């Protein structure tokens, strides 16, 4: 079963935090800087942990350089 998840990212935040919105999307704050994909990698790992799946099953589909991202979970 493939699932699409919208994420609003907040890189270079003071604390790491993840919140689920009522519409099923997520808002994720990460301390990683958005350089060389570091923030995307950390957001992927945080989302995988939140969903209870392996990080290899969470893939960034769209928004690599945007705060609004779309992930696919297999």
PDB file of N, CA and C in Angstrom:
ATOM      1  N   UNK A   1       0.844  -1.179   0.000  1.00  0.00           N
ATOM      2  CA  UNK A   1       0.000   0.000   0.000  1.00  0.00           C
ATOM      3  C   UNK A   1       0.889   1.241   0.000  1.00  0.00           C
ATOM      4  N   UNK A   2       0.709   2.098  -0.959  1.00  0.00           N
ATOM      5  CA  UNK A   2       1.477   3.336  -1.056  1.00  0.00           C
ATOM      6  C   UNK A   2       0.652   4.483  -0.502  1.00  0.00           C
ATOM      7  N   UNK A   3       1.309   5.333   0.263  1.00  0.00           N
ATOM      8  CA  UNK A   3       0.637   6.450   0.912  1.00  0.00           C
ATOM      9  C   UNK A   3       1.405   7.731   0.605  1.00  0.00           C
ATOM     10  N   UNK A   4       0.706   8.812   0.306  1.00  0.00           N
ATOM     11  CA  UNK A   4       1.319  10.103   0.042  1.00  0.00           C
ATOM     12  C   UNK A   4       1.092  11.007   1.249  1.00  0.00           C
ATOM     13  N   UNK A   5       2.169  11.670   1.687  1.00  0.00           N
ATOM     14  CA  UNK A   5       2.085  12.530   2.868  1.00  0.00           C
ATOM     15  C   UNK A   5       2.676  13.897   2.539  1.00  0.00           C
ATOM     16  N   UNK A   6       1.918  14.942   2.838  1.00  0.00           N
ATOM     17  CA  UNK A   6       2.397  16.317   2.677  1.00  0.00           C
ATOM     18  C   UNK A   6       3.072  16.750   3.972  1.00  0.00           C
ATOM     19  N   UNK A   7       4.206  17.434   3.829  1.00  0.00           N
ATOM     20  CA  UNK A   7       4.978  17.877   4.984  1.00  0.00           C
ATOM     21  C   UNK A   7       5.367  19.334   4.797  1.00  0.00           C
ATOM     22  N   UNK A   8       5.183  20.123   5.844  1.00  0.00           N
ATOM     23  CA  UNK A   8       5.713  21.483   5.865  1.00  0.00           C
ATOM     24  C   UNK A   8       6.945  21.445   6.754  1.00  0.00           C
ATOM     25  N   UNK A   9       8.096  21.789   6.184  1.00  0.00           N
ATOM     26  CA  UNK A   9       9.372  21.686   6.887  1.00  0.00           C
ATOM     27  C   UNK A   9       9.813  23.034   7.441  1.00  0.00           C
ATOM     28  N   UNK A  10      10.464  22.960   8.602  1.00  0.00           N
ATOM     29  CA  UNK A  10      11.051  24.134   9.242  1.00  0.00           C
ATOM     30  C   UNK A  10      12.508  23.804   9.563  1.00  0.00           C
ATOM     31  N   UNK A  11      13.423  23.972   8.602  1.00  0.00           N
ATOM     32  CA  UNK A  11      14.831  23.669   8.871  1.00  0.00           C
ATOM     33  C   UNK A  11      15.470  24.734   9.762  1.00  0.00           C
ATOM     34  N   UNK A  12      16.590  24.377  10.373  1.00  0.00           N
ATOM     35  CA  UNK A  12      17.347  25.250  11.270  1.00  0.00           C
ATOM     36  C   UNK A  12      16.513  25.743  12.442  1.00  0.00           C
ATOM     37  N   UNK A  13      15.631  24.892  12.952  1.00  0.00           N
ATOM     38  CA  UNK A  13      14.817  25.232  14.116  1.00  0.00           C
ATOM     39  C   UNK A  13      15.654  25.030  15.384  1.00  0.00           C
ATOM     40  N   UNK A  14      15.199  25.568  16.484  1.00  0.00           N
ATOM     41  CA  UNK A  14      15.918  25.401  17.758  1.00  0.00           C
ATOM     42  C   UNK A  14      15.745  23.998  18.324  1.00  0.00           C
ATOM     43  N   UNK A  15      14.590  23.374  18.051  1.00  0.00           N
ATOM     44  CA  UNK A  15      14.285  22.044  18.581  1.00  0.00           C
ATOM     45  C   UNK A  15      13.729  21.170  17.462  1.00  0.00           C
ATOM     46  N   UNK A  16      13.879  19.870  17.622  1.00  0.00           N
ATOM     47  CA  UNK A  16      13.264  18.940  16.676  1.00  0.00           C
ATOM     48  C   UNK A  16      11.892  18.552  17.203  1.00  0.00           C
ATOM     49  N   UNK A  17      10.904  18.649  16.322  1.00  0.00           N
ATOM     50  CA  UNK A  17       9.524  18.382  16.726  1.00  0.00           C
ATOM     51  C   UNK A  17       8.743  17.967  15.495  1.00  0.00           C
ATOM     52  N   UNK A  18       7.734  17.125  15.710  1.00  0.00           N
ATOM     53  CA  UNK A  18       6.856  16.715  14.621  1.00  0.00           C
ATOM     54  C   UNK A  18       5.416  16.789  15.108  1.00  0.00           C
ATOM     55  N   UNK A  19       4.551  17.369  14.292  1.00  0.00           N
ATOM     56  CA  UNK A  19       3.131  17.486  14.634  1.00  0.00           C
ATOM     57  C   UNK A  19       2.292  17.007  13.458  1.00  0.00           C
ATOM     58  N   UNK A  20       1.255  16.278  13.787  1.00  0.00           N
ATOM     59  CA  UNK A  20       0.309  15.862  12.750  1.00  0.00           C
ATOM     60  C   UNK A  20      -0.846  16.848  12.731  1.00  0.00           C
ATOM     61  N   UNK A  21      -1.170  17.333  11.551  1.00  0.00           N
ATOM     62  CA  UNK A  21      -2.279  18.265  11.390  1.00  0.00           C
ATOM     63  C   UNK A  21      -3.579  17.488  11.239  1.00  0.00           C
ATOM     64  N   UNK A  22      -4.719  18.144  11.475  1.00  0.00           N
ATOM     65  CA  UNK A  22      -6.020  17.465  11.339  1.00  0.00           C
ATOM     66  C   UNK A  22      -6.279  16.903   9.938  1.00  0.00           C
ATOM     67  N   UNK A  23      -5.670  17.501   8.909  1.00  0.00           N
ATOM     68  CA  UNK A  23      -5.898  17.013   7.549  1.00  0.00           C
ATOM     69  C   UNK A  23      -5.010  15.830   7.179  1.00  0.00           C
ATOM     70  N   UNK A  24      -4.201  15.335   8.123  1.00  0.00           N
ATOM     71  CA  UNK A  24      -3.349  14.176   7.865  1.00  0.00           C
ATOM     72  C   UNK A  24      -1.943  14.522   7.422  1.00  0.00           C
ATOM     73  N   UNK A  25      -1.669  15.799   7.177  1.00  0.00           N
ATOM     74  CA  UNK A  25      -0.316  16.210   6.810  1.00  0.00           C
ATOM     75  C   UNK A  25       0.506  16.403   8.088  1.00  0.00           C
ATOM     76  N   UNK A  26       1.792  16.659   7.907  1.00  0.00           N
ATOM     77  CA  UNK A  26       2.684  16.829   9.049  1.00  0.00           C
ATOM     78  C   UNK A  26       3.422  18.152   8.951  1.00  0.00           C
ATOM     79  N   UNK A  27       3.790  18.667  10.106  1.00  0.00           N
ATOM     80  CA  UNK A  27       4.658  19.834  10.194  1.00  0.00           C
ATOM     81  C   UNK A  27       5.859  19.368  11.008  1.00  0.00           C
ATOM     82  N   UNK A  28       7.067  19.543  10.436  1.00  0.00           N
ATOM     83  CA  UNK A  28       8.273  19.004  11.069  1.00  0.00           C
ATOM     84  C   UNK A  28       9.309  20.110  11.218  1.00  0.00           C
ATOM     85  N   UNK A  29       9.792  20.277  12.458  1.00  0.00           N
ATOM     86  CA  UNK A  29      10.870  21.202  12.766  1.00  0.00           C
ATOM     87  C   UNK A  29      12.139  20.379  12.954  1.00  0.00           C
ATOM     88  N   UNK A  30      13.223  20.804  12.315  1.00  0.00           N
ATOM     89  CA  UNK A  30      14.486  20.085  12.418  1.00  0.00           C
ATOM     90  C   UNK A  30      15.631  21.068  12.633  1.00  0.00           C
ATOM     91  N   UNK A  31      16.629  20.646  13.377  1.00  0.00           N
ATOM     92  CA  UNK A  31      17.785  21.495  13.648  1.00  0.00           C
ATOM     93  C   UNK A  31      18.777  21.488  12.488  1.00  0.00           C
ATOM     94  N   UNK A  32      18.621  20.579  11.564  1.00  0.00           N
ATOM     95  CA  UNK A  32      19.541  20.473  10.426  1.00  0.00           C
ATOM     96  C   UNK A  32      19.353  21.645   9.462  1.00  0.00           C
ATOM     97  N   UNK A  33      20.459  22.060   8.870  1.00  0.00           N
ATOM     98  CA  UNK A  33      20.420  23.132   7.870  1.00  0.00           C
ATOM     99  C   UNK A  33      20.016  22.550   6.522  1.00  0.00           C
ATOM    100  N   UNK A  34      19.364  23.353   5.693  1.00  0.00           N
ATOM    101  CA  UNK A  34      18.941  22.853   4.377  1.00  0.00           C
ATOM    102  C   UNK A  34      20.086  22.882   3.355  1.00  0.00           C
ATOM    103  N   UNK A  35      21.214  22.329   3.723  1.00  0.00           N
ATOM    104  CA  UNK A  35      22.386  22.304   2.850  1.00  0.00           C
ATOM    105  C   UNK A  35      22.769  20.868   2.535  1.00  0.00           C
ATOM    106  N   UNK A  36      22.989  20.584   1.270  1.00  0.00           N
ATOM    107  CA  UNK A  36      23.409  19.260   0.801  1.00  0.00           C
ATOM    108  C   UNK A  36      22.438  18.161   1.222  1.00  0.00           C
ATOM    109  N   UNK A  37      21.155  18.504   1.370  1.00  0.00           N
ATOM    110  CA  UNK A  37      20.139  17.510   1.676  1.00  0.00           C
ATOM    111  C   UNK A  37      20.088  17.048   3.119  1.00  0.00           C
ATOM    112  N   UNK A  38      20.827  17.714   4.010  1.00  0.00           N
ATOM    113  CA  UNK A  38      20.873  17.288   5.416  1.00  0.00           C
ATOM    114  C   UNK A  38      19.502  17.375   6.080  1.00  0.00           C
ATOM    115  N   UNK A  39      18.792  18.465   5.851  1.00  0.00           N
ATOM    116  CA  UNK A  39      17.468  18.620   6.458  1.00  0.00           C
ATOM    117  C   UNK A  39      16.489  17.599   5.885  1.00  0.00           C
ATOM    118  N   UNK A  40      16.540  17.359   4.587  1.00  0.00           N
ATOM    119  CA  UNK A  40      15.641  16.369   3.980  1.00  0.00           C
ATOM    120  C   UNK A  40      15.905  14.976   4.554  1.00  0.00           C
ATOM    121  N   UNK A  41      17.156  14.628   4.745  1.00  0.00           N
ATOM    122  CA  UNK A  41      17.505  13.312   5.299  1.00  0.00           C
ATOM    123  C   UNK A  41      16.972  13.168   6.718  1.00  0.00           C
ATOM    124  N   UNK A  42      17.142  14.194   7.538  1.00  0.00           N
ATOM    125  CA  UNK A  42      16.658  14.130   8.910  1.00  0.00           C
ATOM    126  C   UNK A  42      15.133  14.103   8.952  1.00  0.00           C
ATOM    127  N   UNK A  43      14.478  14.873   8.098  1.00  0.00           N
ATOM    128  CA  UNK A  43      13.012  14.865   8.042  1.00  0.00           C
ATOM    129  C   UNK A  43      12.513  13.488   7.625  1.00  0.00           C
ATOM    130  N   UNK A  44      13.192  12.860   6.684  1.00  0.00           N
ATOM    131  CA  UNK A  44      12.816  11.506   6.252  1.00  0.00           C
ATOM    132  C   UNK A  44      12.906  10.536   7.411  1.00  0.00           C
ATOM    133  N   UNK A  45      13.984  10.595   8.170  1.00  0.00           N
ATOM    134  CA  UNK A  45      14.153   9.693   9.322  1.00  0.00           C
ATOM    135  C   UNK A  45      13.119   9.966  10.415  1.00  0.00           C
ATOM    136  N   UNK A  46      12.838  11.250  10.672  1.00  0.00           N
ATOM    137  CA  UNK A  46      11.840  11.597  11.686  1.00  0.00           C
ATOM    138  C   UNK A  46      10.450  11.115  11.282  1.00  0.00           C
ATOM    139  N   UNK A  47      10.105  11.289  10.019  1.00  0.00           N
ATOM    140  CA  UNK A  47       8.799  10.855   9.527  1.00  0.00           C
ATOM    141  C   UNK A  47       8.684   9.336   9.590  1.00  0.00           C
ATOM    142  N   UNK A  48       9.731   8.626   9.226  1.00  0.00           N
ATOM    143  CA  UNK A  48       9.723   7.161   9.293  1.00  0.00           C
ATOM    144  C   UNK A  48       9.517   6.687  10.729  1.00  0.00           C
ATOM    145  N   UNK A  49      10.209   7.310  11.666  1.00  0.00           N
ATOM    146  CA  UNK A  49      10.061   6.931  13.075  1.00  0.00           C
ATOM    147  C   UNK A  49       8.633   7.187  13.553  1.00  0.00           C
ATOM    148  N   UNK A  50       8.067   8.325  13.161  1.00  0.00           N
ATOM    149  CA  UNK A  50       6.691   8.669  13.539  1.00  0.00           C
ATOM    150  C   UNK A  50       5.685   7.666  12.982  1.00  0.00           C
ATOM    151  N   UNK A  51       5.914   7.202  11.757  1.00  0.00           N
ATOM    152  CA  UNK A  51       4.995   6.265  11.107  1.00  0.00           C
ATOM    153  C   UNK A  51       5.277   4.810  11.451  1.00  0.00           C
ATOM    154  N   UNK A  52       6.414   4.546  12.082  1.00  0.00           N
ATOM    155  CA  UNK A  52       6.750   3.174  12.467  1.00  0.00           C
ATOM    156  C   UNK A  52       7.204   2.309  11.309  1.00  0.00           C
ATOM    157  N   UNK A  53       7.886   2.920  10.343  1.00  0.00           N
ATOM    158  CA  UNK A  53       8.404   2.172   9.192  1.00  0.00           C
ATOM    159  C   UNK A  53       9.905   2.439   9.065  1.00  0.00           C
ATOM    160  N   UNK A  54      10.568   1.635   8.260  1.00  0.00           N
ATOM    161  CA  UNK A  54      11.992   1.823   8.013  1.00  0.00           C
ATOM    162  C   UNK A  54      12.203   3.079   7.167  1.00  0.00           C
ATOM    163  N   UNK A  55      13.282   3.829   7.412  1.00  0.00           N
ATOM    164  CA  UNK A  55      13.547   5.020   6.614  1.00  0.00           C
ATOM    165  C   UNK A  55      13.673   4.741   5.117  1.00  0.00           C
ATOM    166  N   UNK A  56      14.059   3.543   4.759  1.00  0.00           N
ATOM    167  CA  UNK A  56      14.181   3.202   3.343  1.00  0.00           C
ATOM    168  C   UNK A  56      12.824   3.123   2.646  1.00  0.00           C
ATOM    169  N   UNK A  57      11.743   3.059   3.409  1.00  0.00           N
ATOM    170  CA  UNK A  57      10.397   2.998   2.831  1.00  0.00           C
ATOM    171  C   UNK A  57       9.763   4.371   2.650  1.00  0.00           C
ATOM    172  N   UNK A  58      10.457   5.426   3.107  1.00  0.00           N
ATOM    173  CA  UNK A  58       9.964   6.795   2.986  1.00  0.00           C
ATOM    174  C   UNK A  58      10.828   7.509   1.955  1.00  0.00           C
ATOM    175  N   UNK A  59      10.191   7.986   0.881  1.00  0.00           N
ATOM    176  CA  UNK A  59      10.928   8.639  -0.198  1.00  0.00           C
ATOM    177  C   UNK A  59      10.369  10.029  -0.473  1.00  0.00           C
ATOM    178  N   UNK A  60      11.260  10.972  -0.673  1.00  0.00           N
ATOM    179  CA  UNK A  60      10.874  12.326  -1.021  1.00  0.00           C
ATOM    180  C   UNK A  60      10.481  12.348  -2.494  1.00  0.00           C
ATOM    181  N   UNK A  61       9.236  12.661  -2.769  1.00  0.00           N
ATOM    182  CA  UNK A  61       8.732  12.660  -4.148  1.00  0.00           C
ATOM    183  C   UNK A  61       8.879  14.036  -4.782  1.00  0.00           C
ATOM    184  N   UNK A  62       8.569  15.099  -4.002  1.00  0.00           N
ATOM    185  CA  UNK A  62       8.571  16.448  -4.564  1.00  0.00           C
ATOM    186  C   UNK A  62       8.913  17.450  -3.458  1.00  0.00           C
ATOM    187  N   UNK A  63       9.648  18.511  -3.810  1.00  0.00           N
ATOM    188  CA  UNK A  63       9.923  19.582  -2.865  1.00  0.00           C
ATOM    189  C   UNK A  63      11.278  19.514  -2.194  1.00  0.00           C
ATOM    190  N   UNK A  64      12.280  18.993  -2.874  1.00  0.00           N
ATOM    191  CA  UNK A  64      13.610  18.862  -2.277  1.00  0.00           C
ATOM    192  C   UNK A  64      14.168  20.203  -1.822  1.00  0.00           C
ATOM    193  N   UNK A  65      13.854  21.280  -2.528  1.00  0.00           N
ATOM    194  CA  UNK A  65      14.380  22.591  -2.148  1.00  0.00           C
ATOM    195  C   UNK A  65      13.273  23.531  -1.667  1.00  0.00           C
ATOM    196  N   UNK A  66      12.145  22.977  -1.294  1.00  0.00           N
ATOM    197  CA  UNK A  66      11.002  23.760  -0.841  1.00  0.00           C
ATOM    198  C   UNK A  66      10.661  23.387   0.596  1.00  0.00           C
ATOM    199  N   UNK A  67       9.968  24.275   1.284  1.00  0.00           N
ATOM    200  CA  UNK A  67       9.503  23.933   2.631  1.00  0.00           C
ATOM    201  C   UNK A  67       8.288  23.007   2.577  1.00  0.00           C
ATOM    202  N   UNK A  68       7.557  23.047   1.471  1.00  0.00           N
ATOM    203  CA  UNK A  68       6.402  22.166   1.288  1.00  0.00           C
ATOM    204  C   UNK A  68       6.866  20.947   0.506  1.00  0.00           C
ATOM    205  N   UNK A  69       6.808  19.791   1.137  1.00  0.00           N
ATOM    206  CA  UNK A  69       7.341  18.559   0.564  1.00  0.00           C
ATOM    207  C   UNK A  69       6.256  17.497   0.454  1.00  0.00           C
ATOM    208  N   UNK A  70       6.446  16.580  -0.476  1.00  0.00           N
ATOM    209  CA  UNK A  70       5.541  15.448  -0.631  1.00  0.00           C
ATOM    210  C   UNK A  70       6.382  14.180  -0.518  1.00  0.00           C
ATOM    211  N   UNK A  71       6.019  13.335   0.437  1.00  0.00           N
ATOM    212  CA  UNK A  71       6.693  12.052   0.638  1.00  0.00           C
ATOM    213  C   UNK A  71       5.778  10.911   0.254  1.00  0.00           C
ATOM    214  N   UNK A  72       6.381   9.829  -0.189  1.00  0.00           N
ATOM    215  CA  UNK A  72       5.652   8.602  -0.488  1.00  0.00           C
ATOM    216  C   UNK A  72       6.151   7.534   0.462  1.00  0.00           C
ATOM    217  N   UNK A  73       5.220   6.849   1.113  1.00  0.00           N
ATOM    218  CA  UNK A  73       5.544   5.779   2.052  1.00  0.00           C
ATOM    219  C   UNK A  73       5.027   4.478   1.474  1.00  0.00           C
ATOM    220  N   UNK A  74       5.915   3.513   1.319  1.00  0.00           N
ATOM    221  CA  UNK A  74       5.518   2.197   0.789  1.00  0.00           C
ATOM    222  C   UNK A  74       5.329   1.202   1.888  1.00  0.00           C
TER     223      UNK A  74
END
